[in-house]
Amino acid sequence: MSKKLGIDLQLRKLQQIASAGYALGLHIRFASATMMFQTYPQEWLDIYTQKGYMLCDPLVSWGFSSEGSCRWSELTAPDPHDVLLQARAFDLNYGIAVSFGAVQSRTIGGFAKEDREFTDQEIQDVQEIVERLHAETTPPESLTDAQVAALRLIANGCRHAQAAANLGISESALKARLKSARERLLARTTAEAIQRALEYKLL
């Protein structure tokens, strides 16, 4: 099973447990997640983004100050804008916060149900899945010289034919290098791979 398929499988498991949806930021660095997955109602996501609630969300505050898991009903962080109360209008009535990883590359998630609190077993299951996803998506420390060369040429505006010619390889060989770089960086497109490689200081 490829790493991407493994990640998709874990995300589907989260959706089954968190029936009202979830938001999961993997490896948050400088207030930006390396990967973000969200299944909350879009209307709530729009309000949350427009009003900048991430800056005052008690779940996020707890996630940066603690590791582990906590029911929303047990959060003690201030909620001056009643974020959790507003979320109830979208059936996000019960939930848990999960936080894992070093503070400089932390993974934080919120998971919700409409009808009841999460059981202890469900909380443990979510925690284990989050830890697994955190490990699976840890940014690579390096790329191969071939991957770096291919990405650099495309980043500099070369088309595939020109990049292949510059490297003295066939277009199919170039595409294979770009594909391997995308897989290494867990990127869907070459543009996304280039962006991540730059963020990780690999280019």
N, C-alpha and C. Protein backbone atom coordinates (compact mmCIF):
# COMPACT_ATOMS: atom_id res chain seq x y z
N MET A 1 0.84 -1.20 0.00
CA MET A 1 0.00 0.00 0.00
C MET A 1 0.88 1.25 0.00
N SER A 2 0.56 2.21 -0.90
CA SER A 2 1.34 3.45 -0.93
C SER A 2 1.05 4.27 0.31
N LYS A 3 1.99 5.20 0.59
CA LYS A 3 1.81 6.06 1.75
C LYS A 3 0.53 6.88 1.62
N LYS A 4 0.25 7.38 0.40
CA LYS A 4 -0.96 8.19 0.20
C LYS A 4 -2.22 7.39 0.48
N LEU A 5 -2.27 6.14 0.00
CA LEU A 5 -3.43 5.30 0.26
C LEU A 5 -3.58 5.03 1.75
N GLY A 6 -2.44 4.86 2.43
CA GLY A 6 -2.48 4.64 3.87
C GLY A 6 -3.05 5.83 4.60
N ILE A 7 -2.67 7.03 4.17
CA ILE A 7 -3.18 8.25 4.77
C ILE A 7 -4.68 8.37 4.52
N ASP A 8 -5.10 8.11 3.29
CA ASP A 8 -6.53 8.19 2.96
C ASP A 8 -7.35 7.22 3.81
N LEU A 9 -6.80 6.04 4.05
CA LEU A 9 -7.49 5.05 4.87
C LEU A 9 -7.66 5.55 6.30
N GLN A 10 -6.62 6.15 6.86
CA GLN A 10 -6.70 6.69 8.22
C GLN A 10 -7.71 7.84 8.30
N LEU A 11 -7.75 8.67 7.27
CA LEU A 11 -8.71 9.79 7.26
C LEU A 11 -10.14 9.27 7.19
N ARG A 12 -10.36 8.21 6.44
CA ARG A 12 -11.71 7.62 6.39
C ARG A 12 -12.11 7.07 7.75
N LYS A 13 -11.17 6.50 8.47
CA LYS A 13 -11.46 5.99 9.82
C LYS A 13 -11.86 7.14 10.74
N LEU A 14 -11.15 8.27 10.61
CA LEU A 14 -11.50 9.44 11.42
C LEU A 14 -12.92 9.90 11.13
N GLN A 15 -13.30 9.90 9.85
CA GLN A 15 -14.64 10.35 9.48
C GLN A 15 -15.71 9.44 10.05
N GLN A 16 -15.41 8.15 10.12
CA GLN A 16 -16.38 7.21 10.68
C GLN A 16 -16.59 7.47 12.17
N ILE A 17 -15.54 7.82 12.88
CA ILE A 17 -15.64 8.07 14.31
C ILE A 17 -16.22 9.46 14.59
N ALA A 18 -15.71 10.45 13.86
CA ALA A 18 -16.15 11.84 14.05
C ALA A 18 -17.27 12.12 13.05
N SER A 19 -18.48 11.66 13.36
CA SER A 19 -19.58 11.67 12.39
C SER A 19 -20.01 13.07 11.97
N ALA A 20 -19.75 14.10 12.79
CA ALA A 20 -20.13 15.47 12.43
C ALA A 20 -19.00 16.20 11.71
N GLY A 21 -17.84 15.57 11.61
CA GLY A 21 -16.72 16.17 10.88
C GLY A 21 -15.51 16.40 11.75
N TYR A 22 -14.44 16.83 11.10
CA TYR A 22 -13.20 17.10 11.82
C TYR A 22 -12.37 18.12 11.06
N ALA A 23 -11.41 18.70 11.77
CA ALA A 23 -10.38 19.56 11.17
C ALA A 23 -9.06 19.11 11.76
N LEU A 24 -8.11 18.78 10.89
CA LEU A 24 -6.84 18.24 11.35
C LEU A 24 -5.70 18.95 10.64
N GLY A 25 -4.87 19.64 11.41
CA GLY A 25 -3.69 20.31 10.88
C GLY A 25 -2.45 19.51 11.25
N LEU A 26 -1.74 19.02 10.24
CA LEU A 26 -0.56 18.18 10.47
C LEU A 26 0.72 19.01 10.39
N HIS A 27 1.57 18.85 11.37
CA HIS A 27 2.87 19.52 11.41
C HIS A 27 2.71 21.04 11.23
N ILE A 28 2.06 21.66 12.20
CA ILE A 28 1.85 23.10 12.16
C ILE A 28 3.16 23.80 12.50
N ARG A 29 3.61 24.64 11.57
CA ARG A 29 4.86 25.38 11.73
C ARG A 29 4.60 26.84 11.39
N PHE A 30 5.01 27.73 12.27
CA PHE A 30 4.81 29.17 12.02
C PHE A 30 3.34 29.46 11.71
N ALA A 31 2.45 28.83 12.50
CA ALA A 31 0.99 29.04 12.42
C ALA A 31 0.38 28.52 11.12
N SER A 32 1.12 27.70 10.37
CA SER A 32 0.59 27.14 9.12
C SER A 32 0.82 25.64 9.10
N ALA A 33 -0.22 24.88 8.76
CA ALA A 33 -0.11 23.42 8.74
C ALA A 33 0.52 22.95 7.43
N THR A 34 1.40 21.96 7.53
CA THR A 34 1.97 21.34 6.33
C THR A 34 0.86 20.71 5.50
N MET A 35 -0.09 20.08 6.18
CA MET A 35 -1.26 19.49 5.53
C MET A 35 -2.47 19.79 6.38
N MET A 36 -3.59 20.10 5.74
CA MET A 36 -4.82 20.40 6.46
C MET A 36 -5.96 19.60 5.85
N PHE A 37 -6.69 18.90 6.69
CA PHE A 37 -7.86 18.13 6.25
C PHE A 37 -9.06 18.59 7.04
N GLN A 38 -10.15 18.94 6.34
CA GLN A 38 -11.33 19.47 7.03
C GLN A 38 -12.59 18.87 6.43
N THR A 39 -13.47 18.38 7.30
CA THR A 39 -14.75 17.83 6.84
C THR A 39 -15.92 18.46 7.59
N TYR A 40 -15.67 19.51 8.36
CA TYR A 40 -16.76 20.24 8.99
C TYR A 40 -17.66 20.84 7.91
N PRO A 41 -18.90 21.21 8.24
CA PRO A 41 -19.76 21.88 7.25
C PRO A 41 -19.07 23.11 6.66
N GLN A 42 -19.17 23.27 5.35
CA GLN A 42 -18.47 24.36 4.68
C GLN A 42 -18.90 25.73 5.19
N GLU A 43 -20.17 25.88 5.54
CA GLU A 43 -20.64 27.18 6.03
C GLU A 43 -19.91 27.56 7.32
N TRP A 44 -19.69 26.58 8.18
CA TRP A 44 -18.96 26.86 9.43
C TRP A 44 -17.49 27.16 9.13
N LEU A 45 -16.90 26.43 8.21
CA LEU A 45 -15.50 26.69 7.85
C LEU A 45 -15.35 28.09 7.29
N ASP A 46 -16.32 28.54 6.50
CA ASP A 46 -16.26 29.89 5.94
C ASP A 46 -16.32 30.94 7.04
N ILE A 47 -17.23 30.77 7.98
CA ILE A 47 -17.35 31.72 9.10
C ILE A 47 -16.07 31.71 9.92
N TYR A 48 -15.58 30.53 10.22
CA TYR A 48 -14.38 30.37 11.04
C TYR A 48 -13.19 31.08 10.40
N THR A 49 -13.05 30.92 9.08
CA THR A 49 -11.94 31.55 8.37
C THR A 49 -12.11 33.06 8.28
N GLN A 50 -13.31 33.49 7.89
CA GLN A 50 -13.57 34.93 7.71
C GLN A 50 -13.35 35.72 9.00
N LYS A 51 -13.71 35.12 10.12
CA LYS A 51 -13.61 35.83 11.40
C LYS A 51 -12.28 35.57 12.11
N GLY A 52 -11.40 34.78 11.49
CA GLY A 52 -10.09 34.52 12.07
C GLY A 52 -10.14 33.83 13.42
N TYR A 53 -11.07 32.89 13.55
CA TYR A 53 -11.27 32.25 14.85
C TYR A 53 -10.09 31.38 15.28
N MET A 54 -9.24 30.98 14.35
CA MET A 54 -8.10 30.15 14.75
C MET A 54 -7.25 30.85 15.80
N LEU A 55 -7.22 32.18 15.75
CA LEU A 55 -6.38 32.94 16.68
C LEU A 55 -6.93 32.96 18.10
N CYS A 56 -8.24 32.62 18.24
CA CYS A 56 -8.83 32.65 19.59
C CYS A 56 -9.59 31.37 19.92
N ASP A 57 -9.44 30.35 19.10
CA ASP A 57 -10.12 29.08 19.32
C ASP A 57 -9.52 28.38 20.54
N PRO A 58 -10.34 28.07 21.56
CA PRO A 58 -9.80 27.40 22.76
C PRO A 58 -9.21 26.04 22.46
N LEU A 59 -9.71 25.38 21.43
CA LEU A 59 -9.16 24.08 21.03
C LEU A 59 -7.72 24.25 20.56
N VAL A 60 -7.47 25.27 19.73
CA VAL A 60 -6.12 25.51 19.23
C VAL A 60 -5.20 25.95 20.36
N SER A 61 -5.70 26.82 21.23
CA SER A 61 -4.90 27.26 22.38
C SER A 61 -4.48 26.07 23.23
N TRP A 62 -5.44 25.20 23.50
CA TRP A 62 -5.13 24.00 24.29
C TRP A 62 -4.12 23.14 23.55
N GLY A 63 -4.29 23.00 22.23
CA GLY A 63 -3.42 22.13 21.45
C GLY A 63 -1.97 22.55 21.45
N PHE A 64 -1.71 23.87 21.52
CA PHE A 64 -0.33 24.33 21.56
C PHE A 64 0.27 24.29 22.95
N SER A 65 -0.57 24.22 23.97
CA SER A 65 -0.06 24.21 25.34
C SER A 65 -0.08 22.81 25.96
N SER A 66 -0.72 21.85 25.29
CA SER A 66 -0.87 20.50 25.85
C SER A 66 -0.69 19.46 24.76
N GLU A 67 -0.36 18.26 25.20
CA GLU A 67 -0.34 17.10 24.31
C GLU A 67 -1.31 16.07 24.86
N GLY A 68 -1.93 15.30 23.94
CA GLY A 68 -2.86 14.27 24.38
C GLY A 68 -4.23 14.54 23.79
N SER A 69 -5.27 14.29 24.57
CA SER A 69 -6.64 14.48 24.09
C SER A 69 -7.50 15.04 25.21
N CYS A 70 -8.55 15.75 24.83
CA CYS A 70 -9.43 16.39 25.80
C CYS A 70 -10.80 16.59 25.17
N ARG A 71 -11.85 16.26 25.90
CA ARG A 71 -13.20 16.56 25.42
C ARG A 71 -13.40 18.07 25.41
N TRP A 72 -14.15 18.55 24.42
CA TRP A 72 -14.43 19.98 24.35
C TRP A 72 -15.09 20.47 25.64
N SER A 73 -15.93 19.63 26.21
CA SER A 73 -16.66 20.03 27.43
C SER A 73 -15.73 20.18 28.62
N GLU A 74 -14.49 19.70 28.48
CA GLU A 74 -13.53 19.79 29.59
C GLU A 74 -12.44 20.83 29.34
N LEU A 75 -12.49 21.52 28.19
CA LEU A 75 -11.50 22.55 27.90
C LEU A 75 -11.65 23.72 28.87
N THR A 76 -10.52 24.21 29.36
CA THR A 76 -10.56 25.33 30.30
C THR A 76 -9.99 26.61 29.69
N ALA A 77 -9.48 26.53 28.46
CA ALA A 77 -8.94 27.73 27.80
C ALA A 77 -10.06 28.73 27.55
N PRO A 78 -9.77 30.02 27.64
CA PRO A 78 -10.80 31.05 27.39
C PRO A 78 -11.39 30.93 25.99
N ASP A 79 -12.66 31.27 25.87
CA ASP A 79 -13.36 31.26 24.58
C ASP A 79 -14.12 32.58 24.46
N PRO A 80 -13.40 33.71 24.31
CA PRO A 80 -14.03 35.03 24.34
C PRO A 80 -15.03 35.27 23.22
N HIS A 81 -14.89 34.56 22.11
CA HIS A 81 -15.81 34.75 20.99
C HIS A 81 -16.84 33.63 20.88
N ASP A 82 -16.92 32.79 21.92
CA ASP A 82 -17.89 31.69 21.95
C ASP A 82 -17.81 30.82 20.69
N VAL A 83 -16.59 30.46 20.32
CA VAL A 83 -16.39 29.65 19.12
C VAL A 83 -17.11 28.31 19.24
N LEU A 84 -16.95 27.64 20.37
CA LEU A 84 -17.58 26.33 20.54
C LEU A 84 -19.09 26.44 20.58
N LEU A 85 -19.60 27.51 21.16
CA LEU A 85 -21.05 27.71 21.19
C LEU A 85 -21.58 27.96 19.78
N GLN A 86 -20.88 28.75 19.00
CA GLN A 86 -21.30 29.02 17.62
C GLN A 86 -21.26 27.74 16.78
N ALA A 87 -20.29 26.88 17.06
CA ALA A 87 -20.16 25.64 16.29
C ALA A 87 -21.39 24.75 16.45
N ARG A 88 -22.08 24.90 17.57
CA ARG A 88 -23.27 24.06 17.81
C ARG A 88 -24.37 24.33 16.79
N ALA A 89 -24.37 25.51 16.20
CA ALA A 89 -25.38 25.82 15.19
C ALA A 89 -25.20 24.95 13.95
N PHE A 90 -24.06 24.28 13.86
CA PHE A 90 -23.77 23.42 12.71
C PHE A 90 -23.66 21.95 13.13
N ASP A 91 -24.32 21.62 14.24
CA ASP A 91 -24.38 20.25 14.78
C ASP A 91 -23.03 19.76 15.30
N LEU A 92 -22.10 20.68 15.58
CA LEU A 92 -20.83 20.29 16.19
C LEU A 92 -21.03 20.42 17.70
N ASN A 93 -21.80 19.49 18.25
CA ASN A 93 -22.27 19.60 19.63
C ASN A 93 -21.33 19.00 20.66
N TYR A 94 -20.67 17.93 20.29
CA TYR A 94 -19.75 17.25 21.20
C TYR A 94 -18.45 17.02 20.44
N GLY A 95 -17.35 17.09 21.15
CA GLY A 95 -16.10 16.90 20.43
C GLY A 95 -14.91 16.63 21.31
N ILE A 96 -13.80 16.37 20.65
CA ILE A 96 -12.53 16.19 21.34
C ILE A 96 -11.46 16.97 20.59
N ALA A 97 -10.48 17.40 21.34
CA ALA A 97 -9.27 18.00 20.78
C ALA A 97 -8.14 17.01 20.97
N VAL A 98 -7.29 16.88 19.96
CA VAL A 98 -6.13 15.99 20.04
C VAL A 98 -4.91 16.77 19.60
N SER A 99 -3.83 16.64 20.36
CA SER A 99 -2.59 17.35 20.05
C SER A 99 -1.42 16.38 20.19
N PHE A 100 -0.48 16.46 19.25
CA PHE A 100 0.66 15.54 19.29
C PHE A 100 1.86 16.14 18.57
N GLY A 101 3.04 15.88 19.09
CA GLY A 101 4.27 16.26 18.41
C GLY A 101 4.98 17.43 19.07
N ALA A 102 6.22 17.63 18.65
CA ALA A 102 7.02 18.74 19.16
C ALA A 102 6.33 20.06 18.85
N VAL A 103 6.46 21.03 19.75
CA VAL A 103 5.73 22.28 19.59
C VAL A 103 6.09 23.00 18.30
N GLN A 104 7.31 22.82 17.79
CA GLN A 104 7.70 23.49 16.55
C GLN A 104 7.17 22.78 15.31
N SER A 105 6.54 21.62 15.48
CA SER A 105 5.94 20.90 14.35
C SER A 105 4.78 20.06 14.89
N ARG A 106 3.80 20.75 15.44
CA ARG A 106 2.72 20.07 16.17
C ARG A 106 1.54 19.76 15.27
N THR A 107 0.89 18.65 15.57
CA THR A 107 -0.34 18.26 14.89
C THR A 107 -1.50 18.45 15.87
N ILE A 108 -2.52 19.18 15.41
CA ILE A 108 -3.68 19.48 16.26
C ILE A 108 -4.96 19.19 15.48
N GLY A 109 -5.90 18.53 16.13
CA GLY A 109 -7.16 18.23 15.47
C GLY A 109 -8.36 18.42 16.37
N GLY A 110 -9.47 18.73 15.75
CA GLY A 110 -10.76 18.79 16.45
C GLY A 110 -11.71 17.83 15.76
N PHE A 111 -12.45 17.05 16.54
CA PHE A 111 -13.30 15.99 16.01
C PHE A 111 -14.66 16.08 16.69
N ALA A 112 -15.73 15.97 15.90
CA ALA A 112 -17.06 16.28 16.44
C ALA A 112 -18.09 15.18 16.18
N LYS A 113 -19.07 15.15 17.08
CA LYS A 113 -20.27 14.32 16.93
C LYS A 113 -21.49 15.21 17.15
N GLU A 114 -22.61 14.80 16.55
CA GLU A 114 -23.84 15.55 16.74
C GLU A 114 -24.57 15.17 18.01
N ASP A 115 -24.53 13.88 18.37
CA ASP A 115 -25.51 13.35 19.31
C ASP A 115 -24.99 12.93 20.69
N ARG A 116 -23.69 12.79 20.86
CA ARG A 116 -23.19 12.30 22.16
C ARG A 116 -21.70 12.57 22.30
N GLU A 117 -21.22 12.44 23.53
CA GLU A 117 -19.79 12.56 23.80
C GLU A 117 -19.06 11.35 23.20
N PHE A 118 -17.80 11.53 22.88
CA PHE A 118 -16.95 10.43 22.45
C PHE A 118 -16.69 9.50 23.64
N THR A 119 -16.68 8.20 23.38
CA THR A 119 -16.33 7.26 24.43
C THR A 119 -14.82 7.27 24.65
N ASP A 120 -14.38 6.72 25.76
CA ASP A 120 -12.94 6.64 26.03
C ASP A 120 -12.23 5.85 24.93
N GLN A 121 -12.87 4.79 24.46
CA GLN A 121 -12.26 3.97 23.41
C GLN A 121 -12.15 4.76 22.10
N GLU A 122 -13.18 5.52 21.77
CA GLU A 122 -13.13 6.34 20.56
C GLU A 122 -12.03 7.39 20.65
N ILE A 123 -11.88 7.97 21.82
CA ILE A 123 -10.83 8.97 22.01
C ILE A 123 -9.46 8.33 21.81
N GLN A 124 -9.28 7.15 22.38
CA GLN A 124 -8.01 6.44 22.21
C GLN A 124 -7.76 6.11 20.74
N ASP A 125 -8.81 5.67 20.03
CA ASP A 125 -8.67 5.34 18.61
C ASP A 125 -8.27 6.57 17.79
N VAL A 126 -8.91 7.71 18.06
CA VAL A 126 -8.59 8.93 17.34
C VAL A 126 -7.16 9.36 17.63
N GLN A 127 -6.77 9.28 18.90
CA GLN A 127 -5.41 9.66 19.29
C GLN A 127 -4.38 8.81 18.53
N GLU A 128 -4.62 7.51 18.45
CA GLU A 128 -3.68 6.62 17.76
C GLU A 128 -3.62 6.93 16.27
N ILE A 129 -4.77 7.23 15.66
CA ILE A 129 -4.77 7.56 14.24
C ILE A 129 -4.02 8.87 13.99
N VAL A 130 -4.24 9.87 14.85
CA VAL A 130 -3.55 11.16 14.70
C VAL A 130 -2.04 10.97 14.83
N GLU A 131 -1.61 10.17 15.78
CA GLU A 131 -0.18 9.93 15.95
C GLU A 131 0.40 9.22 14.73
N ARG A 132 -0.38 8.29 14.17
CA ARG A 132 0.07 7.57 12.98
C ARG A 132 0.18 8.53 11.80
N LEU A 133 -0.81 9.40 11.63
CA LEU A 133 -0.77 10.37 10.53
C LEU A 133 0.37 11.36 10.71
N HIS A 134 0.63 11.76 11.94
CA HIS A 134 1.75 12.66 12.22
C HIS A 134 3.06 12.01 11.77
N ALA A 135 3.23 10.74 12.11
CA ALA A 135 4.46 10.03 11.73
C ALA A 135 4.55 9.87 10.22
N GLU A 136 3.41 9.52 9.58
CA GLU A 136 3.41 9.27 8.14
C GLU A 136 3.70 10.52 7.33
N THR A 137 3.38 11.69 7.89
CA THR A 137 3.52 12.93 7.12
C THR A 137 4.68 13.80 7.60
N THR A 138 5.56 13.22 8.41
CA THR A 138 6.74 13.98 8.84
C THR A 138 7.54 14.41 7.61
N PRO A 139 7.81 15.71 7.46
CA PRO A 139 8.53 16.18 6.28
C PRO A 139 9.88 15.49 6.13
N PRO A 140 10.28 15.14 4.91
CA PRO A 140 11.58 14.48 4.70
C PRO A 140 12.71 15.45 5.01
N GLU A 141 13.83 14.90 5.43
CA GLU A 141 15.01 15.72 5.73
C GLU A 141 15.82 16.02 4.49
N SER A 142 15.58 15.26 3.43
CA SER A 142 16.35 15.49 2.20
C SER A 142 15.64 14.87 1.01
N LEU A 143 16.04 15.30 -0.18
CA LEU A 143 15.63 14.68 -1.44
C LEU A 143 16.90 14.19 -2.13
N THR A 144 16.74 13.32 -3.12
CA THR A 144 17.92 12.89 -3.87
C THR A 144 18.40 14.04 -4.76
N ASP A 145 19.64 13.98 -5.17
CA ASP A 145 20.18 15.02 -6.07
C ASP A 145 19.37 15.08 -7.36
N ALA A 146 18.94 13.91 -7.84
CA ALA A 146 18.16 13.86 -9.08
C ALA A 146 16.80 14.54 -8.90
N GLN A 147 16.16 14.31 -7.76
CA GLN A 147 14.87 14.94 -7.49
C GLN A 147 15.01 16.45 -7.37
N VAL A 148 16.06 16.89 -6.67
CA VAL A 148 16.30 18.32 -6.50
C VAL A 148 16.53 18.99 -7.85
N ALA A 149 17.36 18.39 -8.69
CA ALA A 149 17.68 18.97 -10.00
C ALA A 149 16.42 19.10 -10.85
N ALA A 150 15.59 18.06 -10.85
CA ALA A 150 14.36 18.09 -11.65
C ALA A 150 13.40 19.16 -11.15
N LEU A 151 13.20 19.22 -9.84
CA LEU A 151 12.28 20.21 -9.28
C LEU A 151 12.78 21.63 -9.52
N ARG A 152 14.08 21.84 -9.41
CA ARG A 152 14.63 23.19 -9.61
C ARG A 152 14.38 23.70 -11.03
N LEU A 153 14.58 22.83 -12.00
CA LEU A 153 14.38 23.24 -13.38
C LEU A 153 12.92 23.61 -13.64
N ILE A 154 12.00 22.80 -13.13
CA ILE A 154 10.57 23.10 -13.31
C ILE A 154 10.21 24.37 -12.54
N ALA A 155 10.78 24.53 -11.34
CA ALA A 155 10.52 25.73 -10.55
C ALA A 155 11.00 26.98 -11.26
N ASN A 156 12.05 26.84 -12.06
CA ASN A 156 12.62 27.98 -12.79
C ASN A 156 11.91 28.24 -14.12
N GLY A 157 10.84 27.48 -14.37
CA GLY A 157 10.03 27.75 -15.55
C GLY A 157 10.28 26.88 -16.76
N CYS A 158 11.16 25.90 -16.62
CA CYS A 158 11.43 25.01 -17.77
C CYS A 158 10.23 24.09 -18.02
N ARG A 159 9.94 23.85 -19.29
CA ARG A 159 8.97 22.82 -19.64
C ARG A 159 9.67 21.46 -19.56
N HIS A 160 8.87 20.41 -19.56
CA HIS A 160 9.44 19.07 -19.40
C HIS A 160 10.52 18.77 -20.43
N ALA A 161 10.26 19.11 -21.69
CA ALA A 161 11.22 18.78 -22.75
C ALA A 161 12.55 19.49 -22.51
N GLN A 162 12.48 20.77 -22.15
CA GLN A 162 13.70 21.54 -21.92
C GLN A 162 14.43 21.04 -20.68
N ALA A 163 13.68 20.76 -19.61
CA ALA A 163 14.30 20.27 -18.38
C ALA A 163 15.01 18.95 -18.62
N ALA A 164 14.35 18.06 -19.38
CA ALA A 164 14.96 16.76 -19.68
C ALA A 164 16.24 16.95 -20.50
N ALA A 165 16.18 17.86 -21.47
CA ALA A 165 17.37 18.12 -22.29
C ALA A 165 18.50 18.68 -21.45
N ASN A 166 18.19 19.58 -20.54
CA ASN A 166 19.22 20.16 -19.67
C ASN A 166 19.89 19.10 -18.80
N LEU A 167 19.10 18.10 -18.40
CA LEU A 167 19.64 17.04 -17.54
C LEU A 167 20.24 15.90 -18.34
N GLY A 168 20.04 15.91 -19.67
CA GLY A 168 20.57 14.83 -20.50
C GLY A 168 19.84 13.52 -20.32
N ILE A 169 18.52 13.62 -20.03
CA ILE A 169 17.71 12.41 -19.83
C ILE A 169 16.46 12.51 -20.69
N SER A 170 15.71 11.42 -20.78
CA SER A 170 14.47 11.42 -21.55
C SER A 170 13.36 12.11 -20.74
N GLU A 171 12.30 12.52 -21.43
CA GLU A 171 11.16 13.12 -20.73
C GLU A 171 10.54 12.14 -19.75
N SER A 172 10.49 10.87 -20.16
CA SER A 172 9.89 9.88 -19.26
C SER A 172 10.74 9.72 -18.00
N ALA A 173 12.05 9.81 -18.12
CA ALA A 173 12.92 9.73 -16.95
C ALA A 173 12.71 10.96 -16.05
N LEU A 174 12.54 12.12 -16.68
CA LEU A 174 12.27 13.33 -15.91
C LEU A 174 10.95 13.20 -15.15
N LYS A 175 9.94 12.72 -15.85
CA LYS A 175 8.63 12.56 -15.20
C LYS A 175 8.70 11.58 -14.03
N ALA A 176 9.53 10.55 -14.18
CA ALA A 176 9.71 9.58 -13.10
C ALA A 176 10.36 10.24 -11.88
N ARG A 177 11.33 11.13 -12.14
CA ARG A 177 11.98 11.85 -11.03
C ARG A 177 10.99 12.78 -10.33
N LEU A 178 10.17 13.46 -11.12
CA LEU A 178 9.18 14.37 -10.54
C LEU A 178 8.13 13.59 -9.74
N LYS A 179 7.74 12.45 -10.27
CA LYS A 179 6.77 11.62 -9.57
C LYS A 179 7.33 11.15 -8.23
N SER A 180 8.59 10.71 -8.22
CA SER A 180 9.20 10.23 -6.98
C SER A 180 9.33 11.37 -5.98
N ALA A 181 9.59 12.60 -6.47
CA ALA A 181 9.68 13.76 -5.59
C ALA A 181 8.31 14.07 -4.99
N ARG A 182 7.26 13.99 -5.82
CA ARG A 182 5.90 14.23 -5.31
C ARG A 182 5.54 13.22 -4.23
N GLU A 183 5.88 11.96 -4.48
CA GLU A 183 5.57 10.92 -3.49
C GLU A 183 6.33 11.15 -2.20
N ARG A 184 7.58 11.54 -2.32
CA ARG A 184 8.40 11.79 -1.13
C ARG A 184 7.86 12.95 -0.31
N LEU A 185 7.32 13.94 -1.01
CA LEU A 185 6.81 15.14 -0.35
C LEU A 185 5.31 15.08 -0.08
N LEU A 186 4.69 13.94 -0.42
CA LEU A 186 3.25 13.74 -0.26
C LEU A 186 2.46 14.85 -0.94
N ALA A 187 2.90 15.22 -2.14
CA ALA A 187 2.26 16.29 -2.90
C ALA A 187 1.45 15.71 -4.05
N ARG A 188 0.33 16.36 -4.34
CA ARG A 188 -0.53 15.90 -5.44
C ARG A 188 -0.03 16.38 -6.79
N THR A 189 0.59 17.54 -6.81
CA THR A 189 1.07 18.11 -8.07
C THR A 189 2.54 18.49 -7.93
N THR A 190 3.19 18.69 -9.08
CA THR A 190 4.59 19.11 -9.04
C THR A 190 4.71 20.50 -8.42
N ALA A 191 3.76 21.38 -8.70
CA ALA A 191 3.78 22.73 -8.11
C ALA A 191 3.72 22.64 -6.59
N GLU A 192 2.87 21.76 -6.08
CA GLU A 192 2.77 21.58 -4.63
C GLU A 192 4.07 21.00 -4.08
N ALA A 193 4.68 20.08 -4.82
CA ALA A 193 5.95 19.49 -4.39
C ALA A 193 7.04 20.56 -4.30
N ILE A 194 7.07 21.45 -5.28
CA ILE A 194 8.05 22.53 -5.27
C ILE A 194 7.82 23.44 -4.07
N GLN A 195 6.57 23.79 -3.81
CA GLN A 195 6.25 24.65 -2.68
C GLN A 195 6.69 24.01 -1.36
N ARG A 196 6.41 22.73 -1.21
CA ARG A 196 6.78 22.05 0.04
C ARG A 196 8.30 21.93 0.17
N ALA A 197 8.96 21.64 -0.94
CA ALA A 197 10.41 21.53 -0.90
C ALA A 197 11.04 22.86 -0.50
N LEU A 198 10.47 23.95 -0.97
CA LEU A 198 10.97 25.28 -0.58
C LEU A 198 10.70 25.54 0.90
N GLU A 199 9.50 25.18 1.36
CA GLU A 199 9.17 25.39 2.76
C GLU A 199 10.08 24.57 3.69
N TYR A 200 10.43 23.37 3.23
CA TYR A 200 11.29 22.49 4.05
C TYR A 200 12.79 22.80 3.85
N LYS A 201 13.06 23.82 2.98
CA LYS A 201 14.45 24.21 2.69
C LYS A 201 15.23 23.05 2.07
N LEU A 202 14.59 22.35 1.15
CA LEU A 202 15.23 21.24 0.45
C LEU A 202 15.68 21.63 -0.96
N LEU A 203 15.30 22.82 -1.40
CA LEU A 203 15.71 23.31 -2.72
C LEU A 203 16.62 24.50 -2.54
